[in-house]
């Protein structure tokens, strides 16, 4: 599958969906390099935009950073915001 040019919001929704699918809430985390590798194959610019989206979501509080920023999980306090982000992107 060829890399696509997608918006930053679509990348954020895809990151949240993948973490939710693996039940990575709170203390259960996933290495951010794995997310960048998986999504970097689907998105243009080899994952630089994925890394940027992850960093933005950590600053916004949607994701929680673990292991000095090398792993991330979904913030359980922002569950409604995460659900709407996923729903809005899946509807389009």
PDB file of N, CA and C in Angstrom:
ATOM      1  N   UNK A   1       0.837  -1.161   0.000  1.00  0.00           N
ATOM      2  CA  UNK A   1       0.000   0.000   0.000  1.00  0.00           C
ATOM      3  C   UNK A   1       0.892   1.237   0.000  1.00  0.00           C
ATOM      4  N   UNK A   2       0.604   2.188  -0.860  1.00  0.00           N
ATOM      5  CA  UNK A   2       1.403   3.400  -0.988  1.00  0.00           C
ATOM      6  C   UNK A   2       1.071   4.378   0.135  1.00  0.00           C
ATOM      7  N   UNK A   3       2.064   5.147   0.592  1.00  0.00           N
ATOM      8  CA  UNK A   3       1.792   6.145   1.629  1.00  0.00           C
ATOM      9  C   UNK A   3       0.810   7.197   1.141  1.00  0.00           C
ATOM     10  N   UNK A   4      -0.081   7.627   2.042  1.00  0.00           N
ATOM     11  CA  UNK A   4      -1.100   8.619   1.703  1.00  0.00           C
ATOM     12  C   UNK A   4      -0.765   9.944   2.383  1.00  0.00           C
ATOM     13  N   UNK A   5      -1.303  11.004   1.843  1.00  0.00           N
ATOM     14  CA  UNK A   5      -1.185  12.312   2.453  1.00  0.00           C
ATOM     15  C   UNK A   5      -2.439  12.544   3.280  1.00  0.00           C
ATOM     16  N   UNK A   6      -2.323  12.432   4.594  1.00  0.00           N
ATOM     17  CA  UNK A   6      -3.471  12.568   5.493  1.00  0.00           C
ATOM     18  C   UNK A   6      -3.247  13.756   6.421  1.00  0.00           C
ATOM     19  N   UNK A   7      -4.336  14.254   6.989  1.00  0.00           N
ATOM     20  CA  UNK A   7      -4.244  15.406   7.888  1.00  0.00           C
ATOM     21  C   UNK A   7      -3.718  14.968   9.254  1.00  0.00           C
ATOM     22  N   UNK A   8      -3.293  15.960  10.021  1.00  0.00           N
ATOM     23  CA  UNK A   8      -2.773  15.688  11.358  1.00  0.00           C
ATOM     24  C   UNK A   8      -3.873  15.143  12.263  1.00  0.00           C
ATOM     25  N   UNK A   9      -5.102  15.598  12.078  1.00  0.00           N
ATOM     26  CA  UNK A   9      -6.223  15.104  12.882  1.00  0.00           C
ATOM     27  C   UNK A   9      -6.484  13.621  12.597  1.00  0.00           C
ATOM     28  N   UNK A  10      -6.349  13.215  11.352  1.00  0.00           N
ATOM     29  CA  UNK A  10      -6.528  11.800  11.008  1.00  0.00           C
ATOM     30  C   UNK A  10      -5.438  10.948  11.643  1.00  0.00           C
ATOM     31  N   UNK A  11      -4.234  11.472  11.677  1.00  0.00           N
ATOM     32  CA  UNK A  11      -3.128  10.738  12.315  1.00  0.00           C
ATOM     33  C   UNK A  11      -3.395  10.603  13.806  1.00  0.00           C
ATOM     34  N   UNK A  12      -3.850  11.671  14.444  1.00  0.00           N
ATOM     35  CA  UNK A  12      -4.162  11.630  15.874  1.00  0.00           C
ATOM     36  C   UNK A  12      -5.248  10.603  16.165  1.00  0.00           C
ATOM     37  N   UNK A  13      -6.286  10.589  15.335  1.00  0.00           N
ATOM     38  CA  UNK A  13      -7.375   9.627  15.530  1.00  0.00           C
ATOM     39  C   UNK A  13      -6.868   8.199  15.352  1.00  0.00           C
ATOM     40  N   UNK A  14      -6.004   7.973  14.382  1.00  0.00           N
ATOM     41  CA  UNK A  14      -5.464   6.630  14.141  1.00  0.00           C
ATOM     42  C   UNK A  14      -4.590   6.170  15.310  1.00  0.00           C
ATOM     43  N   UNK A  15      -3.783   7.083  15.871  1.00  0.00           N
ATOM     44  CA  UNK A  15      -2.957   6.746  17.035  1.00  0.00           C
ATOM     45  C   UNK A  15      -3.858   6.369  18.206  1.00  0.00           C
ATOM     46  N   UNK A  16      -4.890   7.173  18.459  1.00  0.00           N
ATOM     47  CA  UNK A  16      -5.812   6.880  19.563  1.00  0.00           C
ATOM     48  C   UNK A  16      -6.536   5.560  19.343  1.00  0.00           C
ATOM     49  N   UNK A  17      -6.965   5.314  18.112  1.00  0.00           N
ATOM     50  CA  UNK A  17      -7.678   4.072  17.825  1.00  0.00           C
ATOM     51  C   UNK A  17      -6.788   2.854  18.054  1.00  0.00           C
ATOM     52  N   UNK A  18      -5.533   2.928  17.618  1.00  0.00           N
ATOM     53  CA  UNK A  18      -4.622   1.792  17.810  1.00  0.00           C
ATOM     54  C   UNK A  18      -4.315   1.553  19.281  1.00  0.00           C
ATOM     55  N   UNK A  19      -4.139   2.621  20.050  1.00  0.00           N
ATOM     56  CA  UNK A  19      -3.897   2.456  21.488  1.00  0.00           C
ATOM     57  C   UNK A  19      -5.140   1.918  22.189  1.00  0.00           C
ATOM     58  N   UNK A  20      -6.316   2.400  21.795  1.00  0.00           N
ATOM     59  CA  UNK A  20      -7.564   1.917  22.400  1.00  0.00           C
ATOM     60  C   UNK A  20      -7.785   0.448  22.081  1.00  0.00           C
ATOM     61  N   UNK A  21      -7.497   0.057  20.856  1.00  0.00           N
ATOM     62  CA  UNK A  21      -7.681  -1.331  20.437  1.00  0.00           C
ATOM     63  C   UNK A  21      -6.795  -2.287  21.243  1.00  0.00           C
ATOM     64  N   UNK A  22      -5.652  -1.788  21.693  1.00  0.00           N
ATOM     65  CA  UNK A  22      -4.733  -2.603  22.499  1.00  0.00           C
ATOM     66  C   UNK A  22      -4.900  -2.364  24.001  1.00  0.00           C
ATOM     67  N   UNK A  23      -5.966  -1.662  24.387  1.00  0.00           N
ATOM     68  CA  UNK A  23      -6.290  -1.374  25.794  1.00  0.00           C
ATOM     69  C   UNK A  23      -5.142  -0.682  26.514  1.00  0.00           C
ATOM     70  N   UNK A  24      -4.507   0.270  25.872  1.00  0.00           N
ATOM     71  CA  UNK A  24      -3.391   1.008  26.465  1.00  0.00           C
ATOM     72  C   UNK A  24      -3.903   2.272  27.147  1.00  0.00           C
ATOM     73  N   UNK A  25      -4.522   2.099  28.294  1.00  0.00           N
ATOM     74  CA  UNK A  25      -5.038   3.212  29.088  1.00  0.00           C
ATOM     75  C   UNK A  25      -4.212   3.312  30.353  1.00  0.00           C
ATOM     76  N   UNK A  26      -3.826   4.515  30.739  1.00  0.00           N
ATOM     77  CA  UNK A  26      -3.147   4.732  32.012  1.00  0.00           C
ATOM     78  C   UNK A  26      -1.788   4.065  32.094  1.00  0.00           C
ATOM     79  N   UNK A  27      -1.656   3.091  32.988  1.00  0.00           N
ATOM     80  CA  UNK A  27      -0.360   2.476  33.262  1.00  0.00           C
ATOM     81  C   UNK A  27       0.065   1.446  32.212  1.00  0.00           C
ATOM     82  N   UNK A  28      -0.841   1.015  31.346  1.00  0.00           N
ATOM     83  CA  UNK A  28      -0.465   0.078  30.279  1.00  0.00           C
ATOM     84  C   UNK A  28      -0.085   0.901  29.058  1.00  0.00           C
ATOM     85  N   UNK A  29       1.156   0.792  28.633  1.00  0.00           N
ATOM     86  CA  UNK A  29       1.658   1.661  27.574  1.00  0.00           C
ATOM     87  C   UNK A  29       2.235   0.858  26.422  1.00  0.00           C
ATOM     88  N   UNK A  30       2.480   1.571  25.317  1.00  0.00           N
ATOM     89  CA  UNK A  30       3.019   0.992  24.093  1.00  0.00           C
ATOM     90  C   UNK A  30       4.198   1.850  23.647  1.00  0.00           C
ATOM     91  N   UNK A  31       5.282   1.257  23.193  1.00  0.00           N
ATOM     92  CA  UNK A  31       6.419   2.062  22.721  1.00  0.00           C
ATOM     93  C   UNK A  31       6.003   2.968  21.562  1.00  0.00           C
ATOM     94  N   UNK A  32       6.380   4.220  21.655  1.00  0.00           N
ATOM     95  CA  UNK A  32       6.003   5.174  20.602  1.00  0.00           C
ATOM     96  C   UNK A  32       6.699   4.839  19.288  1.00  0.00           C
ATOM     97  N   UNK A  33       7.863   4.201  19.349  1.00  0.00           N
ATOM     98  CA  UNK A  33       8.544   3.788  18.114  1.00  0.00           C
ATOM     99  C   UNK A  33       7.706   2.779  17.331  1.00  0.00           C
ATOM    100  N   UNK A  34       6.986   1.923  18.025  1.00  0.00           N
ATOM    101  CA  UNK A  34       6.118   0.953  17.349  1.00  0.00           C
ATOM    102  C   UNK A  34       4.998   1.667  16.597  1.00  0.00           C
ATOM    103  N   UNK A  35       4.402   2.660  17.235  1.00  0.00           N
ATOM    104  CA  UNK A  35       3.347   3.432  16.569  1.00  0.00           C
ATOM    105  C   UNK A  35       3.897   4.159  15.346  1.00  0.00           C
ATOM    106  N   UNK A  36       5.073   4.744  15.489  1.00  0.00           N
ATOM    107  CA  UNK A  36       5.674   5.475  14.372  1.00  0.00           C
ATOM    108  C   UNK A  36       5.989   4.519  13.231  1.00  0.00           C
ATOM    109  N   UNK A  37       6.491   3.328  13.544  1.00  0.00           N
ATOM    110  CA  UNK A  37       6.802   2.344  12.498  1.00  0.00           C
ATOM    111  C   UNK A  37       5.537   1.888  11.773  1.00  0.00           C
ATOM    112  N   UNK A  38       4.479   1.566  12.533  1.00  0.00           N
ATOM    113  CA  UNK A  38       3.239   1.077  11.926  1.00  0.00           C
ATOM    114  C   UNK A  38       2.597   2.144  11.059  1.00  0.00           C
ATOM    115  N   UNK A  39       2.459   3.347  11.602  1.00  0.00           N
ATOM    116  CA  UNK A  39       1.770   4.407  10.878  1.00  0.00           C
ATOM    117  C   UNK A  39       2.669   5.079   9.847  1.00  0.00           C
ATOM    118  N   UNK A  40       3.964   5.004  10.024  1.00  0.00           N
ATOM    119  CA  UNK A  40       4.885   5.594   9.067  1.00  0.00           C
ATOM    120  C   UNK A  40       4.813   4.936   7.704  1.00  0.00           C
ATOM    121  N   UNK A  41       4.371   3.700   7.678  1.00  0.00           N
ATOM    122  CA  UNK A  41       4.208   2.993   6.405  1.00  0.00           C
ATOM    123  C   UNK A  41       2.958   3.462   5.658  1.00  0.00           C
ATOM    124  N   UNK A  42       1.988   4.019   6.393  1.00  0.00           N
ATOM    125  CA  UNK A  42       0.731   4.448   5.793  1.00  0.00           C
ATOM    126  C   UNK A  42       0.694   5.933   5.471  1.00  0.00           C
ATOM    127  N   UNK A  43       1.592   6.705   6.079  1.00  0.00           N
ATOM    128  CA  UNK A  43       1.565   8.157   5.972  1.00  0.00           C
ATOM    129  C   UNK A  43       2.837   8.631   5.277  1.00  0.00           C
ATOM    130  N   UNK A  44       2.701   9.665   4.454  1.00  0.00           N
ATOM    131  CA  UNK A  44       3.882  10.234   3.810  1.00  0.00           C
ATOM    132  C   UNK A  44       4.820  10.837   4.848  1.00  0.00           C
ATOM    133  N   UNK A  45       6.073  11.011   4.496  1.00  0.00           N
ATOM    134  CA  UNK A  45       7.140  11.580   5.334  1.00  0.00           C
ATOM    135  C   UNK A  45       7.650  10.606   6.386  1.00  0.00           C
ATOM    136  N   UNK A  46       7.512   9.325   6.179  1.00  0.00           N
ATOM    137  CA  UNK A  46       8.147   8.284   6.986  1.00  0.00           C
ATOM    138  C   UNK A  46       7.939   8.377   8.492  1.00  0.00           C
ATOM    139  N   UNK A  47       6.866   8.900   8.929  1.00  0.00           N
ATOM    140  CA  UNK A  47       6.588   8.914  10.353  1.00  0.00           C
ATOM    141  C   UNK A  47       6.979  10.191  11.064  1.00  0.00           C
ATOM    142  N   UNK A  48       7.556  11.157  10.376  1.00  0.00           N
ATOM    143  CA  UNK A  48       7.875  12.422  11.037  1.00  0.00           C
ATOM    144  C   UNK A  48       6.594  13.107  11.504  1.00  0.00           C
ATOM    145  N   UNK A  49       5.571  13.025  10.674  1.00  0.00           N
ATOM    146  CA  UNK A  49       4.289  13.620  11.048  1.00  0.00           C
ATOM    147  C   UNK A  49       3.626  12.824  12.168  1.00  0.00           C
ATOM    148  N   UNK A  50       3.844  11.522  12.202  1.00  0.00           N
ATOM    149  CA  UNK A  50       3.291  10.697  13.283  1.00  0.00           C
ATOM    150  C   UNK A  50       3.952  11.084  14.598  1.00  0.00           C
ATOM    151  N   UNK A  51       5.269  11.235  14.587  1.00  0.00           N
ATOM    152  CA  UNK A  51       6.003  11.647  15.788  1.00  0.00           C
ATOM    153  C   UNK A  51       5.518  13.029  16.247  1.00  0.00           C
ATOM    154  N   UNK A  52       5.296  13.943  15.303  1.00  0.00           N
ATOM    155  CA  UNK A  52       4.797  15.279  15.630  1.00  0.00           C
ATOM    156  C   UNK A  52       3.410  15.194  16.266  1.00  0.00           C
ATOM    157  N   UNK A  53       2.536  14.353  15.712  1.00  0.00           N
ATOM    158  CA  UNK A  53       1.180  14.193  16.265  1.00  0.00           C
ATOM    159  C   UNK A  53       1.236  13.619  17.678  1.00  0.00           C
ATOM    160  N   UNK A  54       2.098  12.642  17.909  1.00  0.00           N
ATOM    161  CA  UNK A  54       2.230  12.054  19.248  1.00  0.00           C
ATOM    162  C   UNK A  54       2.714  13.101  20.241  1.00  0.00           C
ATOM    163  N   UNK A  55       3.720  13.885  19.852  1.00  0.00           N
ATOM    164  CA  UNK A  55       4.240  14.933  20.738  1.00  0.00           C
ATOM    165  C   UNK A  55       3.162  15.966  21.059  1.00  0.00           C
ATOM    166  N   UNK A  56       2.362  16.352  20.064  1.00  0.00           N
ATOM    167  CA  UNK A  56       1.282  17.311  20.298  1.00  0.00           C
ATOM    168  C   UNK A  56       0.234  16.750  21.251  1.00  0.00           C
ATOM    169  N   UNK A  57      -0.104  15.474  21.080  1.00  0.00           N
ATOM    170  CA  UNK A  57      -1.127  14.867  21.936  1.00  0.00           C
ATOM    171  C   UNK A  57      -0.627  14.730  23.370  1.00  0.00           C
ATOM    172  N   UNK A  58       0.668  14.512  23.571  1.00  0.00           N
ATOM    173  CA  UNK A  58       1.219  14.475  24.924  1.00  0.00           C
ATOM    174  C   UNK A  58       1.111  15.865  25.549  1.00  0.00           C
ATOM    175  N   UNK A  59       1.426  16.913  24.789  1.00  0.00           N
ATOM    176  CA  UNK A  59       1.330  18.279  25.305  1.00  0.00           C
ATOM    177  C   UNK A  59      -0.112  18.669  25.603  1.00  0.00           C
ATOM    178  N   UNK A  60      -1.060  18.171  24.796  1.00  0.00           N
ATOM    179  CA  UNK A  60      -2.483  18.460  25.016  1.00  0.00           C
ATOM    180  C   UNK A  60      -3.066  17.652  26.162  1.00  0.00           C
ATOM    181  N   UNK A  61      -2.390  16.594  26.585  1.00  0.00           N
ATOM    182  CA  UNK A  61      -2.875  15.765  27.681  1.00  0.00           C
ATOM    183  C   UNK A  61      -3.720  14.589  27.243  1.00  0.00           C
ATOM    184  N   UNK A  62      -3.825  14.356  25.951  1.00  0.00           N
ATOM    185  CA  UNK A  62      -4.595  13.213  25.454  1.00  0.00           C
ATOM    186  C   UNK A  62      -3.823  11.921  25.689  1.00  0.00           C
ATOM    187  N   UNK A  63      -2.504  11.987  25.526  1.00  0.00           N
ATOM    188  CA  UNK A  63      -1.639  10.843  25.782  1.00  0.00           C
ATOM    189  C   UNK A  63      -0.794  11.106  27.016  1.00  0.00           C
ATOM    190  N   UNK A  64      -0.423  10.023  27.691  1.00  0.00           N
ATOM    191  CA  UNK A  64       0.476  10.089  28.838  1.00  0.00           C
ATOM    192  C   UNK A  64       1.814   9.512  28.397  1.00  0.00           C
ATOM    193  N   UNK A  65       2.877  10.218  28.712  1.00  0.00           N
ATOM    194  CA  UNK A  65       4.215   9.788  28.341  1.00  0.00           C
ATOM    195  C   UNK A  65       4.800   8.900  29.441  1.00  0.00           C
ATOM    196  N   UNK A  66       5.437   7.815  29.048  1.00  0.00           N
ATOM    197  CA  UNK A  66       6.089   6.894  29.981  1.00  0.00           C
ATOM    198  C   UNK A  66       7.527   6.665  29.532  1.00  0.00           C
ATOM    199  N   UNK A  67       8.362   6.197  30.438  1.00  0.00           N
ATOM    200  CA  UNK A  67       9.750   5.829  30.137  1.00  0.00           C
ATOM    201  C   UNK A  67      10.498   6.936  29.403  1.00  0.00           C
ATOM    202  N   UNK A  68      10.465   8.127  29.982  1.00  0.00           N
ATOM    203  CA  UNK A  68      11.162   9.303  29.428  1.00  0.00           C
ATOM    204  C   UNK A  68      10.745   9.621  28.004  1.00  0.00           C
ATOM    205  N   UNK A  69       9.471   9.422  27.698  1.00  0.00           N
ATOM    206  CA  UNK A  69       8.939   9.771  26.389  1.00  0.00           C
ATOM    207  C   UNK A  69       9.056   8.687  25.343  1.00  0.00           C
ATOM    208  N   UNK A  70       9.565   7.522  25.705  1.00  0.00           N
ATOM    209  CA  UNK A  70       9.727   6.445  24.720  1.00  0.00           C
ATOM    210  C   UNK A  70       8.492   5.565  24.598  1.00  0.00           C
ATOM    211  N   UNK A  71       7.508   5.759  25.468  1.00  0.00           N
ATOM    212  CA  UNK A  71       6.267   4.980  25.415  1.00  0.00           C
ATOM    213  C   UNK A  71       5.102   5.905  25.755  1.00  0.00           C
ATOM    214  N   UNK A  72       3.924   5.571  25.242  1.00  0.00           N
ATOM    215  CA  UNK A  72       2.737   6.399  25.478  1.00  0.00           C
ATOM    216  C   UNK A  72       1.530   5.521  25.773  1.00  0.00           C
ATOM    217  N   UNK A  73       0.552   6.130  26.442  1.00  0.00           N
ATOM    218  CA  UNK A  73      -0.733   5.476  26.676  1.00  0.00           C
ATOM    219  C   UNK A  73      -1.815   6.541  26.638  1.00  0.00           C
ATOM    220  N   UNK A  74      -3.058   6.108  26.528  1.00  0.00           N
ATOM    221  CA  UNK A  74      -4.192   7.030  26.521  1.00  0.00           C
ATOM    222  C   UNK A  74      -4.470   7.518  27.941  1.00  0.00           C
ATOM    223  N   UNK A  75      -4.849   8.772  28.058  1.00  0.00           N
ATOM    224  CA  UNK A  75      -5.171   9.358  29.352  1.00  0.00           C
ATOM    225  C   UNK A  75      -6.609   8.998  29.707  1.00  0.00           C
ATOM    226  N   UNK A  76      -6.837   8.200  30.763  1.00  0.00           N
ATOM    227  CA  UNK A  76      -8.207   7.799  31.105  1.00  0.00           C
ATOM    228  C   UNK A  76      -9.089   8.963  31.553  1.00  0.00           C
ATOM    229  N   UNK A  77      -8.496  10.079  31.940  1.00  0.00           N
ATOM    230  CA  UNK A  77      -9.289  11.247  32.333  1.00  0.00           C
ATOM    231  C   UNK A  77      -9.860  11.984  31.130  1.00  0.00           C
ATOM    232  N   UNK A  78      -9.375  11.695  29.935  1.00  0.00           N
ATOM    233  CA  UNK A  78      -9.830  12.366  28.716  1.00  0.00           C
ATOM    234  C   UNK A  78     -10.576  11.404  27.796  1.00  0.00           C
ATOM    235  N   UNK A  79     -11.267  10.416  28.375  1.00  0.00           N
ATOM    236  CA  UNK A  79     -11.900   9.360  27.588  1.00  0.00           C
ATOM    237  C   UNK A  79     -12.962   9.918  26.629  1.00  0.00           C
ATOM    238  N   UNK A  80     -13.756  10.885  27.058  1.00  0.00           N
ATOM    239  CA  UNK A  80     -14.796  11.430  26.174  1.00  0.00           C
ATOM    240  C   UNK A  80     -14.187  12.135  24.969  1.00  0.00           C
ATOM    241  N   UNK A  81     -13.140  12.902  25.206  1.00  0.00           N
ATOM    242  CA  UNK A  81     -12.473  13.613  24.123  1.00  0.00           C
ATOM    243  C   UNK A  81     -11.834  12.638  23.128  1.00  0.00           C
ATOM    244  N   UNK A  82     -11.258  11.570  23.639  1.00  0.00           N
ATOM    245  CA  UNK A  82     -10.633  10.551  22.782  1.00  0.00           C
ATOM    246  C   UNK A  82     -11.692   9.846  21.950  1.00  0.00           C
ATOM    247  N   UNK A  83     -12.810   9.487  22.578  1.00  0.00           N
ATOM    248  CA  UNK A  83     -13.897   8.812  21.864  1.00  0.00           C
ATOM    249  C   UNK A  83     -14.458   9.683  20.743  1.00  0.00           C
ATOM    250  N   UNK A  84     -14.652  10.975  21.008  1.00  0.00           N
ATOM    251  CA  UNK A  84     -15.174  11.848  19.964  1.00  0.00           C
ATOM    252  C   UNK A  84     -14.167  12.050  18.845  1.00  0.00           C
ATOM    253  N   UNK A  85     -12.881  12.098  19.174  1.00  0.00           N
ATOM    254  CA  UNK A  85     -11.845  12.235  18.152  1.00  0.00           C
ATOM    255  C   UNK A  85     -11.861  11.032  17.218  1.00  0.00           C
ATOM    256  N   UNK A  86     -11.989   9.847  17.780  1.00  0.00           N
ATOM    257  CA  UNK A  86     -12.038   8.622  16.969  1.00  0.00           C
ATOM    258  C   UNK A  86     -13.317   8.583  16.138  1.00  0.00           C
ATOM    259  N   UNK A  87     -14.469   8.905  16.759  1.00  0.00           N
ATOM    260  CA  UNK A  87     -15.748   8.867  16.041  1.00  0.00           C
ATOM    261  C   UNK A  87     -15.796   9.876  14.899  1.00  0.00           C
ATOM    262  N   UNK A  88     -15.305  11.090  15.143  1.00  0.00           N
ATOM    263  CA  UNK A  88     -15.344  12.128  14.116  1.00  0.00           C
ATOM    264  C   UNK A  88     -14.510  11.732  12.902  1.00  0.00           C
ATOM    265  N   UNK A  89     -13.397  11.097  13.090  1.00  0.00           N
ATOM    266  CA  UNK A  89     -12.555  10.713  11.957  1.00  0.00           C
ATOM    267  C   UNK A  89     -13.065   9.456  11.280  1.00  0.00           C
ATOM    268  N   UNK A  90     -13.719   8.576  12.026  1.00  0.00           N
ATOM    269  CA  UNK A  90     -14.253   7.373  11.382  1.00  0.00           C
ATOM    270  C   UNK A  90     -15.520   7.693  10.581  1.00  0.00           C
ATOM    271  N   UNK A  91     -16.213   8.772  10.953  1.00  0.00           N
ATOM    272  CA  UNK A  91     -17.432   9.157  10.231  1.00  0.00           C
ATOM    273  C   UNK A  91     -17.117   9.794   8.886  1.00  0.00           C
ATOM    274  N   UNK A  92     -15.926  10.373   8.759  1.00  0.00           N
ATOM    275  CA  UNK A  92     -15.585  11.034   7.485  1.00  0.00           C
ATOM    276  C   UNK A  92     -14.944  10.106   6.509  1.00  0.00           C
TER     277      UNK A  92
END
